[in-house]
Structures are given as structure tokens and as C-alpha cells.
Amino acid sequence: MGNRLSKIATRTGDAGTTGLGDGTRVDKDALRVHAMGDVDELNSQIGVLLCEDIPETMKHELFSIQHDLFDMGGELCIPGYTMITDAQVARLDALLEKYNADLPPLKDFILPGGSRAAAIAHVCRTVCRRAERAIVSVGKAEILNDHPRQYMNRLSDLLFVLSRVLNRYAGGSDVLWEKERER
């Protein structure tokens, strides 16, 4: 594991490079750095979601997901290092099963919105999809463990499902796309 920062303003990135956890320096616009940034942004957006009125159990689950995302950042930061495992992907599969169990089947497309918490969950979902695309790009250019990509795919699905749950928790329902709506 790389050194911990003892100060934040190091000035080492002023020339447009950043240090990875293994000590190598790469351009700040490298695919790996984009992926790290997208995962970090997702973690921050989940932090915003955690500020909302959401079920306590869901808060604990999202807090665990934040830790997983921090681990994923570590894995992306250290080429060849593995921190995301089958167990973490399986935990998301279990959460998907748990939260899907009480939801009505989808018959229409859903628009982002409803309650504030649900809308934030949708923002998290879209940031997650972007992070997933960035991870796929890294995996095409370099050797990368499959689990981060799988984890992000499951997490974006979970965030969609949680948006539906959160609308119900707030006393509402899904916001449906109206195909025949007058425009």
C-alpha cells in the first residue's frame, strides 16, 4: 500500500501528473485516473444520499458500499492489486434480491425523480454507470481484475432499485415515462 499523505498541498501534481499507489506517476487524464475520479465522485454522491431521510438499514448498507468504493479506488490506484472480491459482488446480489422482493414489476420506463432521496439515488446510478464505463476502458487498455466492473454493474442496478424503494418510503411511487404524453 502506498504512503499516506501527511499534507494535502504537495504541489507534485502541478505539472499535470499524479502518483499512483505503487509510486509510478501518470498523467492526470489517464484512463485509470478518470476511473478513480468517477468512483470517488460516486462515493461522494452516496454521501449526499446518506444525508437524506432514508431507512436506517439502508444507511448501513450504503455506508458499507462507501467502504467498498474506497477499496475500489485503492485497487484502481495500485496496478495489479486486488481489493474487490466475489464476496462484495455477492453482497450486492443479495441486496438486489432483498429490495426487489417487495417492488411491483416494472411495466413502464421510470424517470429520475419523485422524492429528493430517490432523485439523488438516480444521480448516484448515473455516476455509477459512468464509473463502470471508465473501468471497462481501463480493462481494455491494461490488465484489471473483473470484480470492479462486475461490482459497478450490480451497484448501478441496486441504485435504480433503491430509488424505487425510496419513493415508496417517502409515500410516493415511481415517476413513469408517459409514451403518449402530449409534447
Protein backbone atom coordinates (compact mmCIF):
# COMPACT_ATOMS: atom_id res chain seq x y z
CA MET A 1 0.00 0.00 0.00
CA GLY A 2 1.29 3.46 -0.83
CA ASN A 3 2.27 6.11 1.66
CA ARG A 4 -0.45 8.04 3.40
CA LEU A 5 -0.49 11.76 2.74
CA SER A 6 0.67 13.78 5.69
CA LYS A 7 -0.15 17.00 3.89
CA ILE A 8 -2.59 17.75 1.12
CA ALA A 9 -0.94 20.56 -0.86
CA THR A 10 2.08 18.61 -2.10
CA ARG A 11 2.46 20.56 -5.38
CA THR A 12 3.69 17.33 -7.01
CA GLY A 13 0.76 17.42 -9.44
CA ASP A 14 1.33 20.92 -10.73
CA ALA A 15 2.79 19.58 -13.99
CA GLY A 16 -0.34 17.54 -14.75
CA THR A 17 0.72 14.19 -13.30
CA THR A 18 -0.35 12.27 -10.23
CA GLY A 19 1.17 9.46 -8.23
CA LEU A 20 -0.37 6.00 -8.15
CA GLY A 21 -0.23 3.84 -5.06
CA ASP A 22 2.74 1.90 -6.40
CA GLY A 23 4.79 5.09 -6.75
CA THR A 24 4.52 5.49 -10.51
CA ARG A 25 3.46 8.84 -11.93
CA VAL A 26 0.84 9.08 -14.65
CA ASP A 27 -0.91 11.89 -16.44
CA LYS A 28 -3.96 13.20 -14.61
CA ASP A 29 -6.07 12.46 -17.68
CA ALA A 30 -5.02 8.79 -17.85
CA LEU A 31 -7.86 6.25 -18.10
CA ARG A 32 -7.02 4.85 -14.68
CA VAL A 33 -7.16 8.31 -13.09
CA HIS A 34 -10.52 9.01 -14.78
CA ALA A 35 -11.87 5.77 -13.32
CA MET A 36 -10.53 6.62 -9.86
CA GLY A 37 -12.17 10.05 -10.08
CA ASP A 38 -15.52 8.65 -11.19
CA VAL A 39 -15.50 6.13 -8.33
CA ASP A 40 -14.62 8.94 -5.91
CA GLU A 41 -17.45 11.10 -7.28
CA LEU A 42 -19.88 8.21 -6.83
CA ASN A 43 -18.74 7.76 -3.24
CA SER A 44 -19.33 11.48 -2.64
CA GLN A 45 -22.80 11.32 -4.20
CA ILE A 46 -23.68 8.37 -1.97
CA GLY A 47 -22.52 10.55 0.92
CA VAL A 48 -25.10 13.14 -0.17
CA LEU A 49 -27.78 10.43 -0.32
CA LEU A 50 -26.86 9.40 3.23
CA CYS A 51 -27.79 12.93 4.40
CA GLU A 52 -31.41 12.29 3.39
CA ASP A 53 -34.22 10.67 5.35
CA ILE A 54 -33.78 7.03 4.35
CA PRO A 55 -34.34 3.78 6.24
CA GLU A 56 -31.68 3.09 8.86
CA THR A 57 -30.87 -0.35 7.44
CA MET A 58 -30.31 1.17 4.01
CA LYS A 59 -27.97 3.75 5.58
CA HIS A 60 -25.80 0.97 6.99
CA GLU A 61 -25.79 -0.85 3.65
CA LEU A 62 -24.82 2.30 1.77
CA PHE A 63 -22.10 3.02 4.32
CA SER A 64 -20.66 -0.46 3.58
CA ILE A 65 -20.85 0.33 -0.12
CA GLN A 66 -18.90 3.53 0.50
CA HIS A 67 -16.17 1.44 2.09
CA ASP A 68 -16.21 -0.91 -0.91
CA LEU A 69 -15.87 2.07 -3.24
CA PHE A 70 -12.91 3.32 -1.24
CA ASP A 71 -11.38 -0.16 -1.62
CA MET A 72 -12.10 0.01 -5.35
CA GLY A 73 -10.26 3.32 -5.52
CA GLY A 74 -7.33 1.57 -3.85
CA GLU A 75 -7.45 -1.27 -6.35
CA LEU A 76 -7.53 1.18 -9.25
CA CYS A 77 -4.73 3.21 -7.69
CA ILE A 78 -2.35 0.25 -7.45
CA PRO A 79 -1.99 -1.61 -10.76
CA GLY A 80 -2.12 -5.37 -10.22
CA TYR A 81 -3.60 -5.06 -6.71
CA THR A 82 -6.92 -6.74 -5.82
CA MET A 83 -9.34 -5.47 -3.19
CA ILE A 84 -12.80 -6.09 -4.69
CA THR A 85 -13.83 -9.73 -4.39
CA ASP A 86 -16.62 -12.15 -5.26
CA ALA A 87 -17.98 -11.67 -1.74
CA GLN A 88 -18.58 -7.95 -2.31
CA VAL A 89 -20.31 -8.61 -5.63
CA ALA A 90 -22.42 -11.34 -3.98
CA ARG A 91 -23.42 -8.91 -1.20
CA LEU A 92 -24.84 -6.58 -3.85
CA ASP A 93 -26.69 -9.50 -5.46
CA ALA A 94 -28.26 -10.26 -2.06
CA LEU A 95 -29.27 -6.62 -1.60
CA LEU A 96 -30.83 -6.57 -5.07
CA GLU A 97 -32.86 -9.65 -4.21
CA LYS A 98 -33.90 -8.19 -0.85
CA TYR A 99 -35.05 -4.81 -2.20
CA ASN A 100 -36.63 -6.16 -5.40
CA ALA A 101 -38.78 -8.61 -3.42
CA ASP A 102 -41.40 -6.04 -2.38
CA LEU A 103 -41.44 -3.90 -5.51
CA PRO A 104 -44.16 -4.20 -8.14
CA PRO A 105 -42.96 -5.44 -11.53
CA LEU A 106 -41.85 -2.79 -13.99
CA LYS A 107 -44.31 -2.17 -16.82
CA ASP A 108 -43.07 1.24 -17.94
CA PHE A 109 -39.83 3.18 -18.05
CA ILE A 110 -39.11 5.21 -14.95
CA LEU A 111 -37.98 8.82 -14.94
CA PRO A 112 -35.48 10.03 -12.34
CA GLY A 113 -37.42 11.83 -9.64
CA GLY A 114 -40.11 11.51 -7.06
CA SER A 115 -38.72 12.13 -3.62
CA ARG A 116 -35.46 14.02 -3.13
CA ALA A 117 -33.74 10.84 -1.85
CA ALA A 118 -34.93 8.85 -4.89
CA ALA A 119 -33.72 11.56 -7.24
CA ILE A 120 -30.30 11.54 -5.55
CA ALA A 121 -30.21 7.74 -5.86
CA HIS A 122 -30.78 8.20 -9.61
CA VAL A 123 -27.87 10.66 -9.77
CA CYS A 124 -25.75 8.06 -7.96
CA ARG A 125 -26.88 5.46 -10.52
CA THR A 126 -25.81 7.60 -13.47
CA VAL A 127 -22.45 8.42 -11.90
CA CYS A 128 -22.03 4.69 -11.21
CA ARG A 129 -22.67 3.88 -14.87
CA ARG A 130 -20.04 6.45 -15.88
CA ALA A 131 -17.56 4.92 -13.43
CA GLU A 132 -18.36 1.49 -14.82
CA ARG A 133 -17.64 2.70 -18.37
CA ALA A 134 -14.33 4.17 -17.19
CA ILE A 135 -13.41 0.87 -15.54
CA VAL A 136 -14.26 -1.00 -18.75
CA SER A 137 -11.94 1.37 -20.63
CA VAL A 138 -9.11 0.70 -18.16
CA GLY A 139 -9.70 -3.05 -18.54
CA LYS A 140 -9.33 -2.77 -22.32
CA ALA A 141 -6.04 -0.91 -22.03
CA GLU A 142 -4.48 -2.70 -19.04
CA ILE A 143 -4.88 -5.89 -17.07
CA LEU A 144 -7.62 -5.35 -14.49
CA ASN A 145 -9.47 -7.69 -12.16
CA ASP A 146 -13.06 -8.45 -13.33
CA HIS A 147 -14.63 -7.76 -9.94
CA PRO A 148 -14.61 -3.92 -10.07
CA ARG A 149 -16.54 -4.00 -13.36
CA GLN A 150 -18.99 -6.59 -12.01
CA TYR A 151 -19.39 -4.66 -8.75
CA MET A 152 -20.24 -1.43 -10.56
CA ASN A 153 -22.72 -3.20 -12.84
CA ARG A 154 -24.56 -4.62 -9.81
CA LEU A 155 -24.32 -1.36 -7.89
CA SER A 156 -25.94 0.69 -10.66
CA ASP A 157 -28.81 -1.82 -10.73
CA LEU A 158 -29.09 -1.62 -6.95
CA LEU A 159 -29.18 2.18 -7.01
CA PHE A 160 -32.05 2.04 -9.52
CA VAL A 161 -33.94 -0.36 -7.27
CA LEU A 162 -33.20 1.79 -4.20
CA SER A 163 -34.66 4.83 -5.97
CA ARG A 164 -37.90 2.90 -6.34
CA VAL A 165 -37.80 1.83 -2.69
CA LEU A 166 -37.07 5.38 -1.56
CA ASN A 167 -40.05 6.77 -3.47
CA ARG A 168 -42.28 4.31 -1.63
CA TYR A 169 -40.59 5.10 1.68
CA ALA A 170 -41.48 8.77 1.11
CA GLY A 171 -45.11 7.84 0.45
CA GLY A 172 -44.93 8.15 -3.33
CA SER A 173 -44.36 5.86 -6.26
CA ASP A 174 -42.29 5.61 -9.41
CA VAL A 175 -42.33 8.54 -11.82
CA LEU A 176 -43.34 6.93 -15.07
CA TRP A 177 -42.38 7.95 -18.58
CA GLU A 178 -45.54 8.70 -20.50
CA LYS A 179 -45.08 7.48 -24.06
CA GLU A 180 -48.25 9.10 -25.35
CA ARG A 181 -47.75 12.35 -23.42
CA GLU A 182 -48.54 15.47 -25.39
CA ARG A 183 -45.29 17.31 -26.09
